[in-house]
C-alpha cells in the first residue's frame, strides 16, 4: 500500500468535502470495503442573524414563574 503524507491526505479529504458541498451528493467512506461513515451535505444553511431573537415577544407569562409548581410541604426531600 502506498504511503501518503499527512498534507496529501488532508488535501484529498478537503477536496472531497468541497465536492460534497458543491454537488450536494453524499459521500460514503469505507474501510476494507465496509462502510464506516457517510458525509452528507448540510441541510439548509441558516443565517444566525435571522433566527437570533426571532421568538422575541412571542411568549406570554401566566402566573408566577419563580415559585415552585407545588407546595414545599409536598416535597419528600424536605421532610425529616
C-alpha atoms as a PDB file:
ATOM      1  CA  UNK A   1       0.000   0.000   0.000  1.00  0.00           C
ATOM      2  CA  UNK A   2       1.327   3.431  -0.948  1.00  0.00           C
ATOM      3  CA  UNK A   3       2.225   5.650   1.990  1.00  0.00           C
ATOM      4  CA  UNK A   4       0.583   9.073   1.874  1.00  0.00           C
ATOM      5  CA  UNK A   5       1.814  12.152   3.698  1.00  0.00           C
ATOM      6  CA  UNK A   6      -0.482  13.994   6.086  1.00  0.00           C
ATOM      7  CA  UNK A   7      -0.616  17.028   3.795  1.00  0.00           C
ATOM      8  CA  UNK A   8      -1.636  14.844   0.827  1.00  0.00           C
ATOM      9  CA  UNK A   9      -4.313  13.136   2.918  1.00  0.00           C
ATOM     10  CA  UNK A  10      -5.625  16.488   4.165  1.00  0.00           C
ATOM     11  CA  UNK A  11      -5.707  17.934   0.648  1.00  0.00           C
ATOM     12  CA  UNK A  12      -7.583  14.880  -0.665  1.00  0.00           C
ATOM     13  CA  UNK A  13     -10.131  14.981   2.206  1.00  0.00           C
ATOM     14  CA  UNK A  14     -10.731  18.713   1.837  1.00  0.00           C
ATOM     15  CA  UNK A  15     -11.186  18.237  -1.911  1.00  0.00           C
ATOM     16  CA  UNK A  16     -13.773  15.509  -1.315  1.00  0.00           C
ATOM     17  CA  UNK A  17     -15.599  17.684   1.238  1.00  0.00           C
ATOM     18  CA  UNK A  18     -15.702  20.510  -1.280  1.00  0.00           C
ATOM     19  CA  UNK A  19     -17.163  18.116  -3.866  1.00  0.00           C
ATOM     20  CA  UNK A  20     -19.904  17.109  -1.396  1.00  0.00           C
ATOM     21  CA  UNK A  21     -20.674  20.780  -0.718  1.00  0.00           C
ATOM     22  CA  UNK A  22     -20.698  21.753  -4.392  1.00  0.00           C
ATOM     23  CA  UNK A  23     -22.620  18.794  -5.812  1.00  0.00           C
ATOM     24  CA  UNK A  24     -24.854  18.178  -2.743  1.00  0.00           C
ATOM     25  CA  UNK A  25     -24.074  14.467  -3.206  1.00  0.00           C
ATOM     26  CA  UNK A  26     -23.370  12.294  -0.127  1.00  0.00           C
ATOM     27  CA  UNK A  27     -20.038  10.505   0.179  1.00  0.00           C
ATOM     28  CA  UNK A  28     -19.711   7.027   1.719  1.00  0.00           C
ATOM     29  CA  UNK A  29     -16.401   6.277   3.446  1.00  0.00           C
ATOM     30  CA  UNK A  30     -15.359   2.634   3.508  1.00  0.00           C
ATOM     31  CA  UNK A  31     -12.606   0.658   5.151  1.00  0.00           C
ATOM     32  CA  UNK A  32     -11.706  -2.740   3.756  1.00  0.00           C
ATOM     33  CA  UNK A  33     -14.827  -2.484   1.591  1.00  0.00           C
ATOM     34  CA  UNK A  34     -17.199  -1.958   4.526  1.00  0.00           C
ATOM     35  CA  UNK A  35     -18.979   1.366   5.061  1.00  0.00           C
ATOM     36  CA  UNK A  36     -17.814   3.233   8.178  1.00  0.00           C
ATOM     37  CA  UNK A  37     -19.228   6.731   7.668  1.00  0.00           C
ATOM     38  CA  UNK A  38     -21.279   8.922   5.387  1.00  0.00           C
ATOM     39  CA  UNK A  39     -20.582  12.570   4.705  1.00  0.00           C
ATOM     40  CA  UNK A  40     -23.805  14.391   3.927  1.00  0.00           C
ATOM     41  CA  UNK A  41     -24.210  17.892   2.552  1.00  0.00           C
ATOM     42  CA  UNK A  42     -25.588  20.272   5.169  1.00  0.00           C
ATOM     43  CA  UNK A  43     -29.307  20.850   5.323  1.00  0.00           C
ATOM     44  CA  UNK A  44     -30.492  24.362   4.578  1.00  0.00           C
ATOM     45  CA  UNK A  45     -27.886  26.816   5.790  1.00  0.00           C
ATOM     46  CA  UNK A  46     -29.377  29.039   8.463  1.00  0.00           C
ATOM     47  CA  UNK A  47     -28.277  32.620   8.766  1.00  0.00           C
ATOM     48  CA  UNK A  48     -27.711  33.157  12.510  1.00  0.00           C
ATOM     49  CA  UNK A  49     -28.846  36.760  12.281  1.00  0.00           C
ATOM     50  CA  UNK A  50     -32.249  35.613  11.037  1.00  0.00           C
ATOM     51  CA  UNK A  51     -33.022  33.302  13.984  1.00  0.00           C
ATOM     52  CA  UNK A  52     -31.376  35.061  16.918  1.00  0.00           C
ATOM     53  CA  UNK A  53     -34.168  36.938  18.621  1.00  0.00           C
ATOM     54  CA  UNK A  54     -36.763  35.591  16.196  1.00  0.00           C
ATOM     55  CA  UNK A  55     -39.010  34.448  19.099  1.00  0.00           C
ATOM     56  CA  UNK A  56     -38.937  37.839  20.806  1.00  0.00           C
ATOM     57  CA  UNK A  57     -42.378  38.934  22.049  1.00  0.00           C
ATOM     58  CA  UNK A  58     -43.871  35.520  21.235  1.00  0.00           C
ATOM     59  CA  UNK A  59     -44.296  34.250  24.816  1.00  0.00           C
ATOM     60  CA  UNK A  60     -46.836  35.164  27.449  1.00  0.00           C
ATOM     61  CA  UNK A  61     -46.206  34.533  31.149  1.00  0.00           C
ATOM     62  CA  UNK A  62     -49.311  33.419  33.014  1.00  0.00           C
ATOM     63  CA  UNK A  63     -48.961  33.272  36.790  1.00  0.00           C
ATOM     64  CA  UNK A  64     -45.858  33.042  38.954  1.00  0.00           C
ATOM     65  CA  UNK A  65     -42.858  31.593  37.095  1.00  0.00           C
ATOM     66  CA  UNK A  66     -40.468  31.859  40.075  1.00  0.00           C
ATOM     67  CA  UNK A  67     -42.212  29.862  42.831  1.00  0.00           C
ATOM     68  CA  UNK A  68     -42.209  26.039  42.860  1.00  0.00           C
ATOM     69  CA  UNK A  69     -45.030  24.327  40.986  1.00  0.00           C
ATOM     70  CA  UNK A  70     -46.276  22.685  44.179  1.00  0.00           C
ATOM     71  CA  UNK A  71     -46.205  23.448  47.900  1.00  0.00           C
ATOM     72  CA  UNK A  72     -42.945  22.818  49.782  1.00  0.00           C
ATOM     73  CA  UNK A  73     -44.855  20.542  52.210  1.00  0.00           C
ATOM     74  CA  UNK A  74     -45.280  18.083  49.313  1.00  0.00           C
ATOM     75  CA  UNK A  75     -41.522  17.807  48.710  1.00  0.00           C
ATOM     76  CA  UNK A  76     -40.267  14.482  50.032  1.00  0.00           C
ATOM     77  CA  UNK A  77     -36.665  15.704  50.136  1.00  0.00           C
ATOM     78  CA  UNK A  78     -37.563  18.439  52.679  1.00  0.00           C
ATOM     79  CA  UNK A  79     -39.215  16.031  55.122  1.00  0.00           C
ATOM     80  CA  UNK A  80     -37.330  14.941  58.279  1.00  0.00           C
END
